[in-house]
Amino acid sequence: MTSSESLKKDAETHSSLAFQPSGCSCTALLISLAALGVVPVLTAISFRTGAPIWQRLAFAAFTILAILGAVELAMKLTLERVHFAPEGLTAVSVKHLRRRTRFFPRNEILSVTWEKGGGAYLRLRNGQFGQLPGVARTYQGLANSVRAWLNRTSMTNPTP
């Protein structure tokens, strides 16, 4: 069996891979849930002790923010992903409690790049860049995974 036949067989058996959020997001969710448990207690104490109105309103606002933060983080953990398939890459992201799905056909992707603290981006044939959600431990790791997928699919399915 030649190397190209081996790559084709490997691509057929692993035709669909997905990148899910890492353990760091789980830790952030636990911290958010802990804040969600503490802030309402402080709000109740401030109402019972007759604290000034500004303090009661501040604790009530923090309670609402803690709820919204926990909901958005839970959505990110369950919905955000990058899905690799032979025909293209699907990126699902969540921002401001809204889900966004983008599909990038394999033949439209030229390369992938990343910046420390800035994210991973796909460079497309039309000169634009498509941002990928931060689902890996580092953006460099996500870019390396996409680069490996690009190399594997270009060997098995050469683009014109």
N, C-alpha and C. Protein backbone atom coordinates (compact mmCIF):
# COMPACT_ATOMS: atom_id res chain seq x y z
N MET A 1 0.85 -1.18 0.00
CA MET A 1 0.00 0.00 0.00
C MET A 1 0.89 1.24 0.00
N THR A 2 0.65 2.15 -0.93
CA THR A 2 1.45 3.37 -1.02
C THR A 2 0.99 4.37 0.03
N SER A 3 1.79 5.42 0.19
CA SER A 3 1.46 6.42 1.21
C SER A 3 0.18 7.18 0.85
N SER A 4 -0.06 7.44 -0.43
CA SER A 4 -1.29 8.15 -0.82
C SER A 4 -2.53 7.29 -0.56
N GLU A 5 -2.41 5.96 -0.78
CA GLU A 5 -3.53 5.07 -0.48
C GLU A 5 -3.76 5.01 1.03
N SER A 6 -2.68 5.02 1.79
CA SER A 6 -2.79 5.01 3.25
C SER A 6 -3.47 6.29 3.74
N LEU A 7 -3.11 7.43 3.15
CA LEU A 7 -3.73 8.70 3.54
C LEU A 7 -5.21 8.72 3.18
N LYS A 8 -5.58 8.18 2.01
CA LYS A 8 -6.99 8.13 1.63
C LYS A 8 -7.78 7.26 2.60
N LYS A 9 -7.21 6.11 2.96
CA LYS A 9 -7.90 5.22 3.90
C LYS A 9 -8.04 5.89 5.26
N ASP A 10 -6.99 6.60 5.70
CA ASP A 10 -7.04 7.32 6.97
C ASP A 10 -8.10 8.42 6.93
N ALA A 11 -8.20 9.12 5.81
CA ALA A 11 -9.20 10.19 5.67
C ALA A 11 -10.61 9.64 5.67
N GLU A 12 -10.79 8.44 5.09
CA GLU A 12 -12.12 7.83 5.09
C GLU A 12 -12.53 7.38 6.48
N THR A 13 -11.59 6.83 7.25
CA THR A 13 -11.94 6.35 8.58
C THR A 13 -12.09 7.48 9.57
N HIS A 14 -11.38 8.57 9.36
CA HIS A 14 -11.46 9.73 10.25
C HIS A 14 -12.02 10.93 9.48
N SER A 15 -13.12 10.74 8.80
CA SER A 15 -13.64 11.80 7.93
C SER A 15 -14.22 12.96 8.69
N SER A 16 -14.52 12.78 9.95
CA SER A 16 -15.16 13.84 10.69
C SER A 16 -14.55 13.94 12.09
N LEU A 17 -13.88 15.05 12.37
CA LEU A 17 -13.28 15.30 13.67
C LEU A 17 -13.86 16.59 14.22
N ALA A 18 -13.93 16.71 15.52
CA ALA A 18 -14.45 17.94 16.13
C ALA A 18 -13.55 18.36 17.28
N PHE A 19 -13.44 19.66 17.47
CA PHE A 19 -12.67 20.24 18.55
C PHE A 19 -13.65 20.86 19.53
N GLN A 20 -13.71 20.37 20.75
CA GLN A 20 -14.63 20.87 21.78
C GLN A 20 -13.86 21.75 22.76
N PRO A 21 -14.58 22.56 23.56
CA PRO A 21 -13.90 23.42 24.54
C PRO A 21 -13.06 22.62 25.54
N SER A 22 -12.05 23.27 26.11
CA SER A 22 -11.11 22.61 27.00
C SER A 22 -11.54 22.69 28.46
N GLY A 23 -10.72 22.14 29.35
CA GLY A 23 -11.00 22.12 30.77
C GLY A 23 -10.98 23.49 31.41
N CYS A 24 -10.29 24.46 30.81
CA CYS A 24 -10.25 25.81 31.36
C CYS A 24 -11.65 26.40 31.38
N SER A 25 -12.46 26.12 30.38
CA SER A 25 -13.83 26.63 30.33
C SER A 25 -14.67 26.01 31.43
N CYS A 26 -14.41 24.74 31.75
CA CYS A 26 -15.15 24.09 32.84
C CYS A 26 -14.83 24.76 34.17
N THR A 27 -13.58 25.13 34.38
CA THR A 27 -13.19 25.83 35.60
C THR A 27 -13.88 27.19 35.68
N ALA A 28 -13.93 27.90 34.57
CA ALA A 28 -14.61 29.19 34.55
C ALA A 28 -16.09 29.05 34.86
N LEU A 29 -16.70 27.97 34.37
CA LEU A 29 -18.11 27.74 34.67
C LEU A 29 -18.31 27.48 36.15
N LEU A 30 -17.43 26.72 36.77
CA LEU A 30 -17.54 26.46 38.21
C LEU A 30 -17.38 27.74 39.02
N ILE A 31 -16.46 28.61 38.62
CA ILE A 31 -16.28 29.89 39.31
C ILE A 31 -17.53 30.75 39.14
N SER A 32 -18.09 30.76 37.93
CA SER A 32 -19.30 31.52 37.68
C SER A 32 -20.47 31.00 38.51
N LEU A 33 -20.59 29.69 38.63
CA LEU A 33 -21.66 29.11 39.44
C LEU A 33 -21.45 29.41 40.92
N ALA A 34 -20.19 29.44 41.36
CA ALA A 34 -19.92 29.81 42.75
C ALA A 34 -20.33 31.26 43.00
N ALA A 35 -20.02 32.15 42.06
CA ALA A 35 -20.45 33.55 42.19
C ALA A 35 -21.97 33.63 42.18
N LEU A 36 -22.59 32.78 41.39
CA LEU A 36 -24.05 32.77 41.33
C LEU A 36 -24.63 32.32 42.67
N GLY A 37 -23.90 31.54 43.44
CA GLY A 37 -24.37 31.13 44.76
C GLY A 37 -24.10 32.17 45.83
N VAL A 38 -23.02 32.94 45.70
CA VAL A 38 -22.63 33.91 46.72
C VAL A 38 -23.39 35.22 46.58
N VAL A 39 -23.50 35.74 45.36
CA VAL A 39 -24.09 37.07 45.15
C VAL A 39 -25.55 37.14 45.60
N PRO A 40 -26.40 36.16 45.27
CA PRO A 40 -27.78 36.26 45.77
C PRO A 40 -27.87 36.22 47.30
N VAL A 41 -26.96 35.50 47.96
CA VAL A 41 -26.95 35.48 49.42
C VAL A 41 -26.61 36.87 49.95
N LEU A 42 -25.62 37.52 49.36
CA LEU A 42 -25.27 38.88 49.77
C LEU A 42 -26.43 39.84 49.50
N THR A 43 -27.14 39.62 48.40
CA THR A 43 -28.30 40.45 48.10
C THR A 43 -29.37 40.29 49.17
N ALA A 44 -29.65 39.05 49.56
CA ALA A 44 -30.67 38.80 50.59
C ALA A 44 -30.25 39.41 51.92
N ILE A 45 -28.97 39.28 52.27
CA ILE A 45 -28.48 39.86 53.53
C ILE A 45 -28.63 41.38 53.51
N SER A 46 -28.30 42.00 52.37
CA SER A 46 -28.40 43.46 52.29
C SER A 46 -29.85 43.93 52.41
N PHE A 47 -30.81 43.15 51.91
CA PHE A 47 -32.22 43.52 52.04
C PHE A 47 -32.70 43.32 53.48
N ARG A 48 -32.24 42.26 54.14
CA ARG A 48 -32.69 41.96 55.52
C ARG A 48 -32.10 42.94 56.53
N THR A 49 -30.86 43.37 56.31
CA THR A 49 -30.21 44.24 57.29
C THR A 49 -30.53 45.71 57.08
N GLY A 50 -31.29 46.01 56.04
CA GLY A 50 -31.65 47.41 55.80
C GLY A 50 -30.49 48.23 55.27
N ALA A 51 -29.68 47.63 54.42
CA ALA A 51 -28.53 48.32 53.82
C ALA A 51 -29.04 49.48 52.95
N PRO A 52 -28.17 50.43 52.66
CA PRO A 52 -28.57 51.55 51.80
C PRO A 52 -29.10 51.05 50.45
N ILE A 53 -29.98 51.82 49.84
CA ILE A 53 -30.62 51.41 48.59
C ILE A 53 -29.61 51.17 47.48
N TRP A 54 -28.54 51.96 47.41
CA TRP A 54 -27.55 51.77 46.35
C TRP A 54 -26.87 50.41 46.48
N GLN A 55 -26.66 49.97 47.73
CA GLN A 55 -26.02 48.67 47.95
C GLN A 55 -26.96 47.53 47.55
N ARG A 56 -28.23 47.67 47.87
CA ARG A 56 -29.20 46.64 47.48
C ARG A 56 -29.33 46.54 45.97
N LEU A 57 -29.39 47.70 45.32
CA LEU A 57 -29.49 47.70 43.84
C LEU A 57 -28.23 47.13 43.19
N ALA A 58 -27.07 47.42 43.76
CA ALA A 58 -25.82 46.90 43.21
C ALA A 58 -25.78 45.38 43.32
N PHE A 59 -26.17 44.84 44.47
CA PHE A 59 -26.17 43.39 44.64
C PHE A 59 -27.21 42.73 43.72
N ALA A 60 -28.35 43.38 43.54
CA ALA A 60 -29.37 42.84 42.64
C ALA A 60 -28.84 42.82 41.20
N ALA A 61 -28.15 43.89 40.78
CA ALA A 61 -27.57 43.95 39.43
C ALA A 61 -26.49 42.87 39.27
N PHE A 62 -25.67 42.67 40.29
CA PHE A 62 -24.64 41.63 40.22
C PHE A 62 -25.26 40.24 40.11
N THR A 63 -26.41 40.05 40.77
CA THR A 63 -27.10 38.76 40.66
C THR A 63 -27.53 38.51 39.23
N ILE A 64 -28.10 39.52 38.59
CA ILE A 64 -28.54 39.38 37.19
C ILE A 64 -27.34 39.12 36.29
N LEU A 65 -26.25 39.85 36.49
CA LEU A 65 -25.04 39.64 35.68
C LEU A 65 -24.46 38.24 35.89
N ALA A 66 -24.49 37.75 37.13
CA ALA A 66 -23.97 36.40 37.40
C ALA A 66 -24.82 35.35 36.69
N ILE A 67 -26.13 35.54 36.66
CA ILE A 67 -27.01 34.59 35.96
C ILE A 67 -26.71 34.61 34.46
N LEU A 68 -26.65 35.81 33.88
CA LEU A 68 -26.37 35.91 32.43
C LEU A 68 -24.99 35.35 32.09
N GLY A 69 -23.98 35.60 32.94
CA GLY A 69 -22.64 35.07 32.69
C GLY A 69 -22.61 33.55 32.75
N ALA A 70 -23.32 32.98 33.70
CA ALA A 70 -23.36 31.51 33.81
C ALA A 70 -24.07 30.90 32.61
N VAL A 71 -25.15 31.55 32.14
CA VAL A 71 -25.88 31.04 30.98
C VAL A 71 -25.00 31.09 29.73
N GLU A 72 -24.32 32.23 29.52
CA GLU A 72 -23.47 32.34 28.33
C GLU A 72 -22.30 31.35 28.38
N LEU A 73 -21.71 31.17 29.54
CA LEU A 73 -20.61 30.23 29.67
C LEU A 73 -21.07 28.80 29.44
N ALA A 74 -22.24 28.46 29.95
CA ALA A 74 -22.78 27.12 29.72
C ALA A 74 -23.07 26.91 28.24
N MET A 75 -23.57 27.95 27.57
CA MET A 75 -23.80 27.85 26.12
C MET A 75 -22.49 27.64 25.38
N LYS A 76 -21.44 28.37 25.77
CA LYS A 76 -20.14 28.21 25.13
C LYS A 76 -19.61 26.78 25.29
N LEU A 77 -19.77 26.24 26.51
CA LEU A 77 -19.27 24.89 26.76
C LEU A 77 -20.01 23.84 25.95
N THR A 78 -21.30 24.02 25.77
CA THR A 78 -22.09 22.99 25.09
C THR A 78 -22.18 23.19 23.59
N LEU A 79 -22.08 24.43 23.10
CA LEU A 79 -22.33 24.69 21.69
C LEU A 79 -21.09 25.00 20.87
N GLU A 80 -20.08 25.67 21.45
CA GLU A 80 -18.91 26.09 20.66
C GLU A 80 -18.08 24.89 20.24
N ARG A 81 -17.71 24.88 18.95
CA ARG A 81 -16.86 23.80 18.46
C ARG A 81 -16.34 24.16 17.06
N VAL A 82 -15.32 23.43 16.66
CA VAL A 82 -14.80 23.48 15.30
C VAL A 82 -14.88 22.05 14.78
N HIS A 83 -15.58 21.86 13.67
CA HIS A 83 -15.83 20.53 13.12
C HIS A 83 -15.09 20.39 11.79
N PHE A 84 -14.21 19.40 11.72
CA PHE A 84 -13.43 19.15 10.51
C PHE A 84 -14.09 18.04 9.71
N ALA A 85 -14.34 18.29 8.44
CA ALA A 85 -14.87 17.28 7.53
C ALA A 85 -14.10 17.40 6.22
N PRO A 86 -14.11 16.37 5.38
CA PRO A 86 -13.35 16.44 4.13
C PRO A 86 -13.78 17.59 3.22
N GLU A 87 -15.07 17.95 3.25
CA GLU A 87 -15.54 19.01 2.35
C GLU A 87 -15.34 20.41 2.90
N GLY A 88 -15.06 20.55 4.19
CA GLY A 88 -14.84 21.88 4.74
C GLY A 88 -14.81 21.89 6.25
N LEU A 89 -14.72 23.07 6.80
CA LEU A 89 -14.61 23.28 8.23
C LEU A 89 -15.82 24.07 8.70
N THR A 90 -16.46 23.62 9.78
CA THR A 90 -17.60 24.32 10.35
C THR A 90 -17.20 24.87 11.70
N ALA A 91 -17.38 26.17 11.91
CA ALA A 91 -17.06 26.81 13.19
C ALA A 91 -18.35 27.30 13.82
N VAL A 92 -18.63 26.84 15.04
CA VAL A 92 -19.81 27.25 15.78
C VAL A 92 -19.34 28.06 16.98
N SER A 93 -19.80 29.31 17.09
CA SER A 93 -19.38 30.16 18.20
C SER A 93 -20.61 30.77 18.88
N VAL A 94 -20.41 31.19 20.12
CA VAL A 94 -21.47 31.84 20.89
C VAL A 94 -20.91 33.17 21.39
N LYS A 95 -21.64 34.25 21.10
CA LYS A 95 -21.23 35.57 21.57
C LYS A 95 -22.49 36.36 21.90
N HIS A 96 -22.52 36.95 23.06
CA HIS A 96 -23.67 37.75 23.53
C HIS A 96 -24.95 36.93 23.47
N LEU A 97 -24.88 35.68 23.93
CA LEU A 97 -26.02 34.76 24.00
C LEU A 97 -26.61 34.43 22.63
N ARG A 98 -25.84 34.62 21.57
CA ARG A 98 -26.29 34.28 20.21
C ARG A 98 -25.34 33.25 19.61
N ARG A 99 -25.92 32.25 18.97
CA ARG A 99 -25.13 31.19 18.33
C ARG A 99 -24.90 31.54 16.87
N ARG A 100 -23.67 31.36 16.41
CA ARG A 100 -23.32 31.66 15.02
C ARG A 100 -22.58 30.47 14.42
N THR A 101 -23.05 30.00 13.28
CA THR A 101 -22.42 28.88 12.58
C THR A 101 -21.89 29.36 11.24
N ARG A 102 -20.61 29.10 10.99
CA ARG A 102 -20.00 29.46 9.70
C ARG A 102 -19.37 28.22 9.09
N PHE A 103 -19.58 28.04 7.79
CA PHE A 103 -18.98 26.92 7.06
C PHE A 103 -17.95 27.49 6.10
N PHE A 104 -16.75 26.93 6.13
CA PHE A 104 -15.67 27.33 5.22
C PHE A 104 -15.35 26.14 4.33
N PRO A 105 -15.67 26.20 3.02
CA PRO A 105 -15.34 25.08 2.12
C PRO A 105 -13.82 24.89 2.06
N ARG A 106 -13.39 23.65 1.95
CA ARG A 106 -11.96 23.33 1.95
C ARG A 106 -11.22 24.05 0.84
N ASN A 107 -11.82 24.14 -0.34
CA ASN A 107 -11.11 24.77 -1.46
C ASN A 107 -11.04 26.29 -1.34
N GLU A 108 -11.73 26.91 -0.37
CA GLU A 108 -11.65 28.35 -0.16
C GLU A 108 -10.60 28.74 0.88
N ILE A 109 -10.10 27.77 1.64
CA ILE A 109 -9.14 28.05 2.72
C ILE A 109 -7.72 27.97 2.18
N LEU A 110 -6.98 29.07 2.30
CA LEU A 110 -5.58 29.09 1.87
C LEU A 110 -4.64 28.66 2.99
N SER A 111 -4.81 29.25 4.17
CA SER A 111 -3.92 28.96 5.29
C SER A 111 -4.60 29.32 6.60
N VAL A 112 -3.90 29.08 7.68
CA VAL A 112 -4.40 29.43 9.01
C VAL A 112 -3.29 30.17 9.74
N THR A 113 -3.66 31.15 10.54
CA THR A 113 -2.69 31.92 11.31
C THR A 113 -3.25 32.16 12.70
N TRP A 114 -2.40 32.53 13.63
CA TRP A 114 -2.84 32.81 14.99
C TRP A 114 -2.01 33.94 15.57
N GLU A 115 -2.57 34.61 16.57
CA GLU A 115 -1.86 35.66 17.30
C GLU A 115 -2.05 35.41 18.78
N LYS A 116 -1.03 35.64 19.55
CA LYS A 116 -1.14 35.44 20.99
C LYS A 116 -2.16 36.43 21.54
N GLY A 117 -3.20 35.91 22.15
CA GLY A 117 -4.26 36.74 22.71
C GLY A 117 -5.24 37.26 21.69
N GLY A 118 -5.02 36.98 20.41
CA GLY A 118 -5.88 37.52 19.37
C GLY A 118 -6.76 36.50 18.67
N GLY A 119 -6.43 35.23 18.78
CA GLY A 119 -7.26 34.21 18.17
C GLY A 119 -6.61 33.54 16.98
N ALA A 120 -7.32 32.55 16.46
CA ALA A 120 -6.90 31.82 15.27
C ALA A 120 -7.80 32.25 14.11
N TYR A 121 -7.20 32.44 12.94
CA TYR A 121 -7.93 32.94 11.78
C TYR A 121 -7.62 32.09 10.55
N LEU A 122 -8.64 31.90 9.72
CA LEU A 122 -8.46 31.25 8.42
C LEU A 122 -8.27 32.33 7.38
N ARG A 123 -7.28 32.16 6.51
CA ARG A 123 -7.09 33.08 5.39
C ARG A 123 -7.81 32.46 4.20
N LEU A 124 -8.74 33.19 3.61
CA LEU A 124 -9.58 32.68 2.53
C LEU A 124 -9.09 33.17 1.18
N ARG A 125 -9.53 32.51 0.11
CA ARG A 125 -9.10 32.86 -1.25
C ARG A 125 -9.50 34.29 -1.64
N ASN A 126 -10.62 34.78 -1.12
CA ASN A 126 -11.08 36.13 -1.49
C ASN A 126 -10.35 37.23 -0.73
N GLY A 127 -9.33 36.87 0.07
CA GLY A 127 -8.54 37.86 0.79
C GLY A 127 -9.05 38.17 2.18
N GLN A 128 -10.18 37.64 2.55
CA GLN A 128 -10.74 37.90 3.88
C GLN A 128 -10.20 36.87 4.88
N PHE A 129 -10.45 37.16 6.15
CA PHE A 129 -10.07 36.26 7.23
C PHE A 129 -11.32 35.83 7.98
N GLY A 130 -11.36 34.56 8.35
CA GLY A 130 -12.47 34.04 9.14
C GLY A 130 -11.97 33.64 10.52
N GLN A 131 -12.58 34.20 11.58
CA GLN A 131 -12.13 33.90 12.93
C GLN A 131 -12.70 32.57 13.42
N LEU A 132 -11.87 31.81 14.10
CA LEU A 132 -12.28 30.54 14.69
C LEU A 132 -12.54 30.73 16.18
N PRO A 133 -13.52 30.02 16.74
CA PRO A 133 -13.76 30.14 18.18
C PRO A 133 -12.60 29.52 18.97
N GLY A 134 -12.34 30.05 20.14
CA GLY A 134 -11.23 29.58 20.98
C GLY A 134 -11.61 28.32 21.75
N VAL A 135 -11.60 27.18 21.08
CA VAL A 135 -12.02 25.94 21.71
C VAL A 135 -10.85 25.07 22.16
N ALA A 136 -9.64 25.45 21.84
CA ALA A 136 -8.46 24.67 22.26
C ALA A 136 -7.81 25.36 23.46
N ARG A 137 -6.85 24.69 24.05
CA ARG A 137 -6.15 25.31 25.18
C ARG A 137 -5.42 26.58 24.76
N THR A 138 -4.85 26.57 23.55
CA THR A 138 -4.17 27.75 23.02
C THR A 138 -4.60 27.95 21.57
N TYR A 139 -4.48 29.19 21.11
CA TYR A 139 -4.80 29.47 19.71
C TYR A 139 -3.77 28.81 18.79
N GLN A 140 -2.53 28.71 19.26
CA GLN A 140 -1.50 28.05 18.47
C GLN A 140 -1.86 26.58 18.26
N GLY A 141 -2.37 25.92 19.29
CA GLY A 141 -2.77 24.53 19.18
C GLY A 141 -3.91 24.35 18.19
N LEU A 142 -4.89 25.26 18.22
CA LEU A 142 -5.99 25.20 17.27
C LEU A 142 -5.48 25.41 15.85
N ALA A 143 -4.59 26.40 15.67
CA ALA A 143 -4.03 26.66 14.34
C ALA A 143 -3.24 25.46 13.84
N ASN A 144 -2.49 24.81 14.72
CA ASN A 144 -1.73 23.63 14.31
C ASN A 144 -2.66 22.49 13.90
N SER A 145 -3.76 22.32 14.61
CA SER A 145 -4.73 21.27 14.25
C SER A 145 -5.36 21.55 12.90
N VAL A 146 -5.72 22.81 12.66
CA VAL A 146 -6.31 23.18 11.37
C VAL A 146 -5.27 22.99 10.26
N ARG A 147 -4.03 23.36 10.54
CA ARG A 147 -2.96 23.21 9.55
C ARG A 147 -2.75 21.73 9.20
N ALA A 148 -2.79 20.86 10.19
CA ALA A 148 -2.65 19.42 9.94
C ALA A 148 -3.83 18.91 9.12
N TRP A 149 -5.03 19.38 9.43
CA TRP A 149 -6.22 18.99 8.65
C TRP A 149 -6.10 19.48 7.21
N LEU A 150 -5.61 20.72 7.02
CA LEU A 150 -5.41 21.25 5.67
C LEU A 150 -4.42 20.40 4.89
N ASN A 151 -3.32 20.03 5.53
CA ASN A 151 -2.32 19.21 4.86
C ASN A 151 -2.87 17.83 4.51
N ARG A 152 -3.62 17.24 5.42
CA ARG A 152 -4.16 15.90 5.16
C ARG A 152 -5.20 15.93 4.05
N THR A 153 -6.09 16.92 4.06
CA THR A 153 -7.12 16.97 3.03
C THR A 153 -6.55 17.40 1.68
N SER A 154 -5.47 18.18 1.67
CA SER A 154 -4.89 18.57 0.39
C SER A 154 -4.19 17.40 -0.26
N MET A 155 -3.68 16.45 0.55
CA MET A 155 -3.04 15.27 0.00
C MET A 155 -4.05 14.28 -0.54
N THR A 156 -5.19 14.18 0.13
CA THR A 156 -6.18 13.20 -0.29
C THR A 156 -7.12 13.75 -1.35
N ASN A 157 -7.41 15.06 -1.29
CA ASN A 157 -8.31 15.71 -2.25
C ASN A 157 -7.62 16.94 -2.81
N PRO A 158 -6.73 16.83 -3.77
CA PRO A 158 -6.04 18.02 -4.27
C PRO A 158 -7.02 19.00 -4.89
N THR A 159 -6.84 20.28 -4.56
CA THR A 159 -7.70 21.33 -5.10
C THR A 159 -7.05 21.92 -6.34
N PRO A 160 -7.88 22.36 -7.28
CA PRO A 160 -7.31 22.92 -8.52
C PRO A 160 -6.66 24.25 -8.31
